[in-house]
């Protein structure tokens, strides 16, 4: 795992806190997941967004993939901007939801 620059970590934290606070206030069956779980795009492709918001029944504690994401957040860094704004966005499941 590559270390993150401070600015990246701060933005990622803010992207987690905003929906996390909203979910806590609403009290709904939603999770805000930061850094680590994946989202399947197709049979051969998974992405690992910085923040994932999902709602619904609790998923298995051993799950590695989020099967039903509602919002995906990717913090764009200078070193990964080409992939973050190109390859990942080019996937229909990510772009069109």
PDB file of N, CA and C in Angstrom:
ATOM      1  N   UNK A   1       0.842  -1.174   0.000  1.00  0.00           N
ATOM      2  CA  UNK A   1       0.000   0.000   0.000  1.00  0.00           C
ATOM      3  C   UNK A   1       0.884   1.233   0.000  1.00  0.00           C
ATOM      4  N   UNK A   2       0.592   2.162  -0.875  1.00  0.00           N
ATOM      5  CA  UNK A   2       1.382   3.372  -1.008  1.00  0.00           C
ATOM      6  C   UNK A   2       0.961   4.409   0.030  1.00  0.00           C
ATOM      7  N   UNK A   3       1.931   5.104   0.594  1.00  0.00           N
ATOM      8  CA  UNK A   3       1.618   6.177   1.531  1.00  0.00           C
ATOM      9  C   UNK A   3       0.906   7.313   0.808  1.00  0.00           C
ATOM     10  N   UNK A   4       0.053   8.027   1.537  1.00  0.00           N
ATOM     11  CA  UNK A   4      -0.704   9.140   0.961  1.00  0.00           C
ATOM     12  C   UNK A   4      -0.125  10.451   1.451  1.00  0.00           C
ATOM     13  N   UNK A   5      -0.199  11.449   0.571  1.00  0.00           N
ATOM     14  CA  UNK A   5       0.197  12.791   0.985  1.00  0.00           C
ATOM     15  C   UNK A   5      -0.848  13.328   1.967  1.00  0.00           C
ATOM     16  N   UNK A   6      -0.417  14.235   2.822  1.00  0.00           N
ATOM     17  CA  UNK A   6      -1.301  14.801   3.841  1.00  0.00           C
ATOM     18  C   UNK A   6      -2.550  15.424   3.230  1.00  0.00           C
ATOM     19  N   UNK A   7      -2.400  16.156   2.152  1.00  0.00           N
ATOM     20  CA  UNK A   7      -3.557  16.811   1.541  1.00  0.00           C
ATOM     21  C   UNK A   7      -4.556  15.771   1.039  1.00  0.00           C
ATOM     22  N   UNK A   8      -4.077  14.680   0.494  1.00  0.00           N
ATOM     23  CA  UNK A   8      -4.962  13.615   0.030  1.00  0.00           C
ATOM     24  C   UNK A   8      -5.737  13.024   1.209  1.00  0.00           C
ATOM     25  N   UNK A   9      -5.042  12.747   2.295  1.00  0.00           N
ATOM     26  CA  UNK A   9      -5.683  12.162   3.471  1.00  0.00           C
ATOM     27  C   UNK A   9      -6.714  13.114   4.070  1.00  0.00           C
ATOM     28  N   UNK A  10      -6.421  14.408   4.075  1.00  0.00           N
ATOM     29  CA  UNK A  10      -7.376  15.396   4.608  1.00  0.00           C
ATOM     30  C   UNK A  10      -8.638  15.452   3.761  1.00  0.00           C
ATOM     31  N   UNK A  11      -8.493  15.471   2.453  1.00  0.00           N
ATOM     32  CA  UNK A  11      -9.653  15.516   1.564  1.00  0.00           C
ATOM     33  C   UNK A  11     -10.448  14.222   1.682  1.00  0.00           C
ATOM     34  N   UNK A  12      -9.760  13.112   1.745  1.00  0.00           N
ATOM     35  CA  UNK A  12     -10.428  11.825   1.916  1.00  0.00           C
ATOM     36  C   UNK A  12     -11.217  11.804   3.227  1.00  0.00           C
ATOM     37  N   UNK A  13     -10.645  12.331   4.279  1.00  0.00           N
ATOM     38  CA  UNK A  13     -11.345  12.396   5.566  1.00  0.00           C
ATOM     39  C   UNK A  13     -12.601  13.246   5.489  1.00  0.00           C
ATOM     40  N   UNK A  14     -12.505  14.387   4.806  1.00  0.00           N
ATOM     41  CA  UNK A  14     -13.677  15.250   4.645  1.00  0.00           C
ATOM     42  C   UNK A  14     -14.748  14.558   3.807  1.00  0.00           C
ATOM     43  N   UNK A  15     -14.328  13.828   2.783  1.00  0.00           N
ATOM     44  CA  UNK A  15     -15.277  13.107   1.925  1.00  0.00           C
ATOM     45  C   UNK A  15     -15.958  11.982   2.693  1.00  0.00           C
ATOM     46  N   UNK A  16     -15.339  11.492   3.739  1.00  0.00           N
ATOM     47  CA  UNK A  16     -15.935  10.471   4.602  1.00  0.00           C
ATOM     48  C   UNK A  16     -16.860  11.110   5.641  1.00  0.00           C
ATOM     49  N   UNK A  17     -16.402  12.218   6.235  1.00  0.00           N
ATOM     50  CA  UNK A  17     -17.170  12.840   7.319  1.00  0.00           C
ATOM     51  C   UNK A  17     -18.507  13.407   6.858  1.00  0.00           C
ATOM     52  N   UNK A  18     -18.561  14.034   5.701  1.00  0.00           N
ATOM     53  CA  UNK A  18     -19.795  14.686   5.250  1.00  0.00           C
ATOM     54  C   UNK A  18     -20.950  13.692   5.126  1.00  0.00           C
ATOM     55  N   UNK A  19     -20.821  12.631   4.330  1.00  0.00           N
ATOM     56  CA  UNK A  19     -21.936  11.684   4.276  1.00  0.00           C
ATOM     57  C   UNK A  19     -22.096  10.905   5.578  1.00  0.00           C
ATOM     58  N   UNK A  20     -21.015  10.684   6.289  1.00  0.00           N
ATOM     59  CA  UNK A  20     -21.106   9.972   7.566  1.00  0.00           C
ATOM     60  C   UNK A  20     -21.962  10.733   8.562  1.00  0.00           C
ATOM     61  N   UNK A  21     -21.797  12.049   8.619  1.00  0.00           N
ATOM     62  CA  UNK A  21     -22.616  12.881   9.507  1.00  0.00           C
ATOM     63  C   UNK A  21     -24.075  12.854   9.077  1.00  0.00           C
ATOM     64  N   UNK A  22     -24.318  12.933   7.777  1.00  0.00           N
ATOM     65  CA  UNK A  22     -25.692  12.904   7.267  1.00  0.00           C
ATOM     66  C   UNK A  22     -26.371  11.572   7.589  1.00  0.00           C
ATOM     67  N   UNK A  23     -25.646  10.476   7.417  1.00  0.00           N
ATOM     68  CA  UNK A  23     -26.190   9.148   7.710  1.00  0.00           C
ATOM     69  C   UNK A  23     -26.505   9.044   9.202  1.00  0.00           C
ATOM     70  N   UNK A  24     -25.617   9.541  10.049  1.00  0.00           N
ATOM     71  CA  UNK A  24     -25.833   9.477  11.496  1.00  0.00           C
ATOM     72  C   UNK A  24     -27.067  10.285  11.888  1.00  0.00           C
ATOM     73  N   UNK A  25     -27.245  11.472  11.312  1.00  0.00           N
ATOM     74  CA  UNK A  25     -28.421  12.306  11.614  1.00  0.00           C
ATOM     75  C   UNK A  25     -29.704  11.636  11.147  1.00  0.00           C
ATOM     76  N   UNK A  26     -29.675  11.044   9.956  1.00  0.00           N
ATOM     77  CA  UNK A  26     -30.875  10.437   9.382  1.00  0.00           C
ATOM     78  C   UNK A  26     -31.221   9.123  10.067  1.00  0.00           C
ATOM     79  N   UNK A  27     -30.219   8.445  10.593  1.00  0.00           N
ATOM     80  CA  UNK A  27     -30.459   7.181  11.271  1.00  0.00           C
ATOM     81  C   UNK A  27     -30.885   6.055  10.344  1.00  0.00           C
ATOM     82  N   UNK A  28     -30.596   6.195   9.076  1.00  0.00           N
ATOM     83  CA  UNK A  28     -30.995   5.175   8.111  1.00  0.00           C
ATOM     84  C   UNK A  28     -30.062   3.993   8.075  1.00  0.00           C
ATOM     85  N   UNK A  29     -30.424   2.983   7.320  1.00  0.00           N
ATOM     86  CA  UNK A  29     -29.602   1.768   7.217  1.00  0.00           C
ATOM     87  C   UNK A  29     -28.488   1.936   6.186  1.00  0.00           C
ATOM     88  N   UNK A  30     -27.626   2.917   6.393  1.00  0.00           N
ATOM     89  CA  UNK A  30     -26.564   3.213   5.423  1.00  0.00           C
ATOM     90  C   UNK A  30     -25.201   3.082   6.078  1.00  0.00           C
ATOM     91  N   UNK A  31     -24.198   2.794   5.248  1.00  0.00           N
ATOM     92  CA  UNK A  31     -22.802   2.715   5.675  1.00  0.00           C
ATOM     93  C   UNK A  31     -21.981   3.672   4.833  1.00  0.00           C
ATOM     94  N   UNK A  32     -21.024   4.304   5.467  1.00  0.00           N
ATOM     95  CA  UNK A  32     -20.015   5.057   4.743  1.00  0.00           C
ATOM     96  C   UNK A  32     -18.701   4.349   5.013  1.00  0.00           C
ATOM     97  N   UNK A  33     -18.077   3.876   3.948  1.00  0.00           N
ATOM     98  CA  UNK A  33     -16.886   3.033   4.048  1.00  0.00           C
ATOM     99  C   UNK A  33     -15.709   3.797   3.466  1.00  0.00           C
ATOM    100  N   UNK A  34     -14.632   3.852   4.198  1.00  0.00           N
ATOM    101  CA  UNK A  34     -13.456   4.571   3.719  1.00  0.00           C
ATOM    102  C   UNK A  34     -12.330   3.591   3.447  1.00  0.00           C
ATOM    103  N   UNK A  35     -11.746   3.722   2.240  1.00  0.00           N
ATOM    104  CA  UNK A  35     -10.457   3.131   1.925  1.00  0.00           C
ATOM    105  C   UNK A  35     -10.296   1.646   2.244  1.00  0.00           C
ATOM    106  N   UNK A  36     -10.482   0.809   1.265  1.00  0.00           N
ATOM    107  CA  UNK A  36     -10.140  -0.587   1.456  1.00  0.00           C
ATOM    108  C   UNK A  36     -11.046  -1.577   0.759  1.00  0.00           C
ATOM    109  N   UNK A  37     -12.339  -1.327   0.740  1.00  0.00           N
ATOM    110  CA  UNK A  37     -13.241  -2.271   0.086  1.00  0.00           C
ATOM    111  C   UNK A  37     -13.299  -1.969  -1.411  1.00  0.00           C
ATOM    112  N   UNK A  38     -13.749  -2.944  -2.177  1.00  0.00           N
ATOM    113  CA  UNK A  38     -13.791  -2.784  -3.621  1.00  0.00           C
ATOM    114  C   UNK A  38     -15.223  -2.769  -4.129  1.00  0.00           C
ATOM    115  N   UNK A  39     -15.361  -2.308  -5.370  1.00  0.00           N
ATOM    116  CA  UNK A  39     -16.630  -2.303  -6.089  1.00  0.00           C
ATOM    117  C   UNK A  39     -16.375  -3.007  -7.412  1.00  0.00           C
ATOM    118  N   UNK A  40     -17.178  -4.008  -7.727  1.00  0.00           N
ATOM    119  CA  UNK A  40     -17.023  -4.760  -8.973  1.00  0.00           C
ATOM    120  C   UNK A  40     -17.647  -3.987 -10.117  1.00  0.00           C
ATOM    121  N   UNK A  41     -16.862  -3.793 -11.175  1.00  0.00           N
ATOM    122  CA  UNK A  41     -17.328  -3.121 -12.382  1.00  0.00           C
ATOM    123  C   UNK A  41     -17.844  -4.152 -13.381  1.00  0.00           C
ATOM    124  N   UNK A  42     -17.072  -5.223 -13.565  1.00  0.00           N
ATOM    125  CA  UNK A  42     -17.479  -6.340 -14.410  1.00  0.00           C
ATOM    126  C   UNK A  42     -16.729  -7.575 -13.935  1.00  0.00           C
ATOM    127  N   UNK A  43     -16.833  -8.680 -14.653  1.00  0.00           N
ATOM    128  CA  UNK A  43     -16.212  -9.930 -14.202  1.00  0.00           C
ATOM    129  C   UNK A  43     -14.704  -9.838 -14.015  1.00  0.00           C
ATOM    130  N   UNK A  44     -14.056  -8.937 -14.741  1.00  0.00           N
ATOM    131  CA  UNK A  44     -12.603  -8.852 -14.696  1.00  0.00           C
ATOM    132  C   UNK A  44     -12.081  -7.590 -14.002  1.00  0.00           C
ATOM    133  N   UNK A  45     -12.983  -6.699 -13.545  1.00  0.00           N
ATOM    134  CA  UNK A  45     -12.534  -5.403 -13.053  1.00  0.00           C
ATOM    135  C   UNK A  45     -13.177  -5.048 -11.721  1.00  0.00           C
ATOM    136  N   UNK A  46     -12.333  -4.684 -10.768  1.00  0.00           N
ATOM    137  CA  UNK A  46     -12.805  -4.103  -9.518  1.00  0.00           C
ATOM    138  C   UNK A  46     -12.071  -2.791  -9.302  1.00  0.00           C
ATOM    139  N   UNK A  47     -12.741  -1.848  -8.647  1.00  0.00           N
ATOM    140  CA  UNK A  47     -12.126  -0.567  -8.297  1.00  0.00           C
ATOM    141  C   UNK A  47     -12.150  -0.429  -6.783  1.00  0.00           C
ATOM    142  N   UNK A  48     -11.221   0.339  -6.274  1.00  0.00           N
ATOM    143  CA  UNK A  48     -11.141   0.574  -4.839  1.00  0.00           C
ATOM    144  C   UNK A  48     -11.249   2.081  -4.595  1.00  0.00           C
ATOM    145  N   UNK A  49     -12.485   2.601  -4.504  1.00  0.00           N
ATOM    146  CA  UNK A  49     -12.665   4.036  -4.280  1.00  0.00           C
ATOM    147  C   UNK A  49     -12.191   4.446  -2.890  1.00  0.00           C
ATOM    148  N   UNK A  50     -11.965   5.736  -2.718  1.00  0.00           N
ATOM    149  CA  UNK A  50     -11.550   6.240  -1.409  1.00  0.00           C
ATOM    150  C   UNK A  50     -12.692   6.181  -0.400  1.00  0.00           C
ATOM    151  N   UNK A  51     -13.920   6.481  -0.846  1.00  0.00           N
ATOM    152  CA  UNK A  51     -15.089   6.465   0.031  1.00  0.00           C
ATOM    153  C   UNK A  51     -16.251   5.850  -0.734  1.00  0.00           C
ATOM    154  N   UNK A  52     -17.034   5.024  -0.051  1.00  0.00           N
ATOM    155  CA  UNK A  52     -18.219   4.388  -0.635  1.00  0.00           C
ATOM    156  C   UNK A  52     -19.390   4.640   0.309  1.00  0.00           C
ATOM    157  N   UNK A  53     -20.526   5.065  -0.249  1.00  0.00           N
ATOM    158  CA  UNK A  53     -21.766   5.165   0.500  1.00  0.00           C
ATOM    159  C   UNK A  53     -22.712   4.107  -0.034  1.00  0.00           C
ATOM    160  N   UNK A  54     -23.277   3.317   0.864  1.00  0.00           N
ATOM    161  CA  UNK A  54     -24.255   2.304   0.477  1.00  0.00           C
ATOM    162  C   UNK A  54     -25.355   2.288   1.528  1.00  0.00           C
ATOM    163  N   UNK A  55     -26.534   1.894   1.112  1.00  0.00           N
ATOM    164  CA  UNK A  55     -27.669   1.768   2.031  1.00  0.00           C
ATOM    165  C   UNK A  55     -28.311   0.408   1.825  1.00  0.00           C
ATOM    166  N   UNK A  56     -28.881  -0.128   2.872  1.00  0.00           N
ATOM    167  CA  UNK A  56     -29.546  -1.414   2.782  1.00  0.00           C
ATOM    168  C   UNK A  56     -29.148  -2.305   3.924  1.00  0.00           C
ATOM    169  N   UNK A  57     -29.504  -3.573   3.814  1.00  0.00           N
ATOM    170  CA  UNK A  57     -29.153  -4.526   4.873  1.00  0.00           C
ATOM    171  C   UNK A  57     -27.634  -4.581   5.077  1.00  0.00           C
ATOM    172  N   UNK A  58     -27.243  -4.869   6.290  1.00  0.00           N
ATOM    173  CA  UNK A  58     -25.819  -4.975   6.623  1.00  0.00           C
ATOM    174  C   UNK A  58     -25.197  -6.075   5.767  1.00  0.00           C
ATOM    175  N   UNK A  59     -24.035  -5.773   5.177  1.00  0.00           N
ATOM    176  CA  UNK A  59     -23.349  -6.799   4.392  1.00  0.00           C
ATOM    177  C   UNK A  59     -22.462  -7.628   5.333  1.00  0.00           C
ATOM    178  N   UNK A  60     -22.111  -8.803   4.885  1.00  0.00           N
ATOM    179  CA  UNK A  60     -21.304  -9.729   5.674  1.00  0.00           C
ATOM    180  C   UNK A  60     -20.009  -9.059   6.134  1.00  0.00           C
ATOM    181  N   UNK A  61     -19.650  -9.288   7.380  1.00  0.00           N
ATOM    182  CA  UNK A  61     -18.444  -8.687   7.941  1.00  0.00           C
ATOM    183  C   UNK A  61     -17.153  -9.121   7.272  1.00  0.00           C
ATOM    184  N   UNK A  62     -17.155 -10.249   6.566  1.00  0.00           N
ATOM    185  CA  UNK A  62     -15.972 -10.734   5.870  1.00  0.00           C
ATOM    186  C   UNK A  62     -15.952 -10.329   4.396  1.00  0.00           C
ATOM    187  N   UNK A  63     -16.970  -9.586   3.953  1.00  0.00           N
ATOM    188  CA  UNK A  63     -17.048  -9.188   2.539  1.00  0.00           C
ATOM    189  C   UNK A  63     -15.873  -8.290   2.167  1.00  0.00           C
ATOM    190  N   UNK A  64     -15.404  -8.448   0.943  1.00  0.00           N
ATOM    191  CA  UNK A  64     -14.344  -7.601   0.403  1.00  0.00           C
ATOM    192  C   UNK A  64     -14.897  -6.612  -0.625  1.00  0.00           C
ATOM    193  N   UNK A  65     -16.076  -6.929  -1.170  1.00  0.00           N
ATOM    194  CA  UNK A  65     -16.710  -6.096  -2.195  1.00  0.00           C
ATOM    195  C   UNK A  65     -18.017  -5.520  -1.665  1.00  0.00           C
ATOM    196  N   UNK A  66     -18.324  -4.297  -2.088  1.00  0.00           N
ATOM    197  CA  UNK A  66     -19.601  -3.667  -1.784  1.00  0.00           C
ATOM    198  C   UNK A  66     -20.503  -3.935  -2.984  1.00  0.00           C
ATOM    199  N   UNK A  67     -21.582  -4.697  -2.804  1.00  0.00           N
ATOM    200  CA  UNK A  67     -22.395  -5.103  -3.950  1.00  0.00           C
ATOM    201  C   UNK A  67     -23.354  -4.034  -4.452  1.00  0.00           C
ATOM    202  N   UNK A  68     -23.632  -3.008  -3.644  1.00  0.00           N
ATOM    203  CA  UNK A  68     -24.687  -2.061  -3.991  1.00  0.00           C
ATOM    204  C   UNK A  68     -24.323  -0.617  -3.634  1.00  0.00           C
ATOM    205  N   UNK A  69     -23.218  -0.102  -4.167  1.00  0.00           N
ATOM    206  CA  UNK A  69     -22.811   1.270  -3.822  1.00  0.00           C
ATOM    207  C   UNK A  69     -23.787   2.297  -4.402  1.00  0.00           C
ATOM    208  N   UNK A  70     -23.991   3.385  -3.663  1.00  0.00           N
ATOM    209  CA  UNK A  70     -24.800   4.501  -4.151  1.00  0.00           C
ATOM    210  C   UNK A  70     -23.927   5.663  -4.597  1.00  0.00           C
ATOM    211  N   UNK A  71     -22.890   5.935  -3.812  1.00  0.00           N
ATOM    212  CA  UNK A  71     -21.974   7.036  -4.133  1.00  0.00           C
ATOM    213  C   UNK A  71     -20.549   6.521  -3.975  1.00  0.00           C
ATOM    214  N   UNK A  72     -19.714   6.818  -4.962  1.00  0.00           N
ATOM    215  CA  UNK A  72     -18.293   6.494  -4.915  1.00  0.00           C
ATOM    216  C   UNK A  72     -17.513   7.796  -4.963  1.00  0.00           C
ATOM    217  N   UNK A  73     -16.493   7.919  -4.128  1.00  0.00           N
ATOM    218  CA  UNK A  73     -15.650   9.110  -4.113  1.00  0.00           C
ATOM    219  C   UNK A  73     -14.215   8.681  -4.361  1.00  0.00           C
ATOM    220  N   UNK A  74     -13.573   9.332  -5.305  1.00  0.00           N
ATOM    221  CA  UNK A  74     -12.158   9.104  -5.578  1.00  0.00           C
ATOM    222  C   UNK A  74     -11.461  10.449  -5.480  1.00  0.00           C
ATOM    223  N   UNK A  75     -10.517  10.577  -4.550  1.00  0.00           N
ATOM    224  CA  UNK A  75      -9.736  11.800  -4.413  1.00  0.00           C
ATOM    225  C   UNK A  75      -8.629  11.749  -5.459  1.00  0.00           C
ATOM    226  N   UNK A  76      -8.608  12.736  -6.329  1.00  0.00           N
ATOM    227  CA  UNK A  76      -7.649  12.758  -7.431  1.00  0.00           C
ATOM    228  C   UNK A  76      -6.325  13.343  -6.964  1.00  0.00           C
ATOM    229  N   UNK A  77      -5.261  12.585  -7.162  1.00  0.00           N
ATOM    230  CA  UNK A  77      -3.908  13.017  -6.826  1.00  0.00           C
ATOM    231  C   UNK A  77      -3.144  13.281  -8.114  1.00  0.00           C
ATOM    232  N   UNK A  78      -2.153  14.177  -8.075  1.00  0.00           N
ATOM    233  CA  UNK A  78      -1.370  14.446  -9.287  1.00  0.00           C
ATOM    234  C   UNK A  78      -0.762  13.184  -9.891  1.00  0.00           C
ATOM    235  N   UNK A  79      -0.309  12.256  -9.041  1.00  0.00           N
ATOM    236  CA  UNK A  79       0.346  11.057  -9.552  1.00  0.00           C
ATOM    237  C   UNK A  79      -0.627  10.057 -10.163  1.00  0.00           C
ATOM    238  N   UNK A  80      -1.906  10.153  -9.837  1.00  0.00           N
ATOM    239  CA  UNK A  80      -2.876   9.195 -10.364  1.00  0.00           C
ATOM    240  C   UNK A  80      -3.998   9.852 -11.151  1.00  0.00           C
ATOM    241  N   UNK A  81      -3.846  11.125 -11.487  1.00  0.00           N
ATOM    242  CA  UNK A  81      -4.919  11.867 -12.159  1.00  0.00           C
ATOM    243  C   UNK A  81      -5.327  11.229 -13.480  1.00  0.00           C
ATOM    244  N   UNK A  82      -4.393  10.708 -14.241  1.00  0.00           N
ATOM    245  CA  UNK A  82      -4.720  10.088 -15.525  1.00  0.00           C
ATOM    246  C   UNK A  82      -5.645   8.897 -15.352  1.00  0.00           C
ATOM    247  N   UNK A  83      -5.345   8.052 -14.401  1.00  0.00           N
ATOM    248  CA  UNK A  83      -6.194   6.895 -14.132  1.00  0.00           C
ATOM    249  C   UNK A  83      -7.508   7.318 -13.481  1.00  0.00           C
ATOM    250  N   UNK A  84      -7.426   8.226 -12.498  1.00  0.00           N
ATOM    251  CA  UNK A  84      -8.620   8.640 -11.758  1.00  0.00           C
ATOM    252  C   UNK A  84      -9.634   9.374 -12.634  1.00  0.00           C
ATOM    253  N   UNK A  85      -9.163  10.114 -13.613  1.00  0.00           N
ATOM    254  CA  UNK A  85     -10.089  10.884 -14.460  1.00  0.00           C
ATOM    255  C   UNK A  85     -10.255  10.270 -15.838  1.00  0.00           C
ATOM    256  N   UNK A  86      -9.600   9.164 -16.093  1.00  0.00           N
ATOM    257  CA  UNK A  86      -9.699   8.515 -17.403  1.00  0.00           C
ATOM    258  C   UNK A  86     -10.213   7.107 -17.285  1.00  0.00           C
ATOM    259  N   UNK A  87      -9.315   6.184 -16.965  1.00  0.00           N
ATOM    260  CA  UNK A  87      -9.652   4.763 -16.949  1.00  0.00           C
ATOM    261  C   UNK A  87     -10.806   4.413 -16.029  1.00  0.00           C
ATOM    262  N   UNK A  88     -10.809   4.927 -14.795  1.00  0.00           N
ATOM    263  CA  UNK A  88     -11.876   4.598 -13.876  1.00  0.00           C
ATOM    264  C   UNK A  88     -13.206   5.190 -14.321  1.00  0.00           C
ATOM    265  N   UNK A  89     -13.180   6.421 -14.794  1.00  0.00           N
ATOM    266  CA  UNK A  89     -14.429   7.059 -15.233  1.00  0.00           C
ATOM    267  C   UNK A  89     -14.952   6.455 -16.522  1.00  0.00           C
ATOM    268  N   UNK A  90     -14.076   5.810 -17.271  1.00  0.00           N
ATOM    269  CA  UNK A  90     -14.505   5.208 -18.531  1.00  0.00           C
ATOM    270  C   UNK A  90     -15.322   3.951 -18.351  1.00  0.00           C
ATOM    271  N   UNK A  91     -15.370   3.413 -17.149  1.00  0.00           N
ATOM    272  CA  UNK A  91     -16.132   2.198 -16.882  1.00  0.00           C
ATOM    273  C   UNK A  91     -17.617   2.555 -16.783  1.00  0.00           C
ATOM    274  N   UNK A  92     -18.496   1.925 -17.549  1.00  0.00           N
ATOM    275  CA  UNK A  92     -19.915   2.260 -17.524  1.00  0.00           C
ATOM    276  C   UNK A  92     -20.548   2.195 -16.137  1.00  0.00           C
ATOM    277  N   UNK A  93     -20.164   1.232 -15.305  1.00  0.00           N
ATOM    278  CA  UNK A  93     -20.781   1.105 -13.993  1.00  0.00           C
ATOM    279  C   UNK A  93     -20.424   2.264 -13.096  1.00  0.00           C
ATOM    280  N   UNK A  94     -19.254   2.855 -13.307  1.00  0.00           N
ATOM    281  CA  UNK A  94     -18.823   3.978 -12.500  1.00  0.00           C
ATOM    282  C   UNK A  94     -19.438   5.272 -13.042  1.00  0.00           C
ATOM    283  N   UNK A  95     -19.366   5.457 -14.345  1.00  0.00           N
ATOM    284  CA  UNK A  95     -19.823   6.696 -14.962  1.00  0.00           C
ATOM    285  C   UNK A  95     -21.344   6.811 -14.946  1.00  0.00           C
ATOM    286  N   UNK A  96     -22.014   5.774 -15.345  1.00  0.00           N
ATOM    287  CA  UNK A  96     -23.461   5.892 -15.516  1.00  0.00           C
ATOM    288  C   UNK A  96     -24.269   5.366 -14.361  1.00  0.00           C
ATOM    289  N   UNK A  97     -23.590   4.728 -13.397  1.00  0.00           N
ATOM    290  CA  UNK A  97     -24.274   4.206 -12.229  1.00  0.00           C
ATOM    291  C   UNK A  97     -25.117   3.082 -12.569  1.00  0.00           C
TER     292      UNK A  97
END
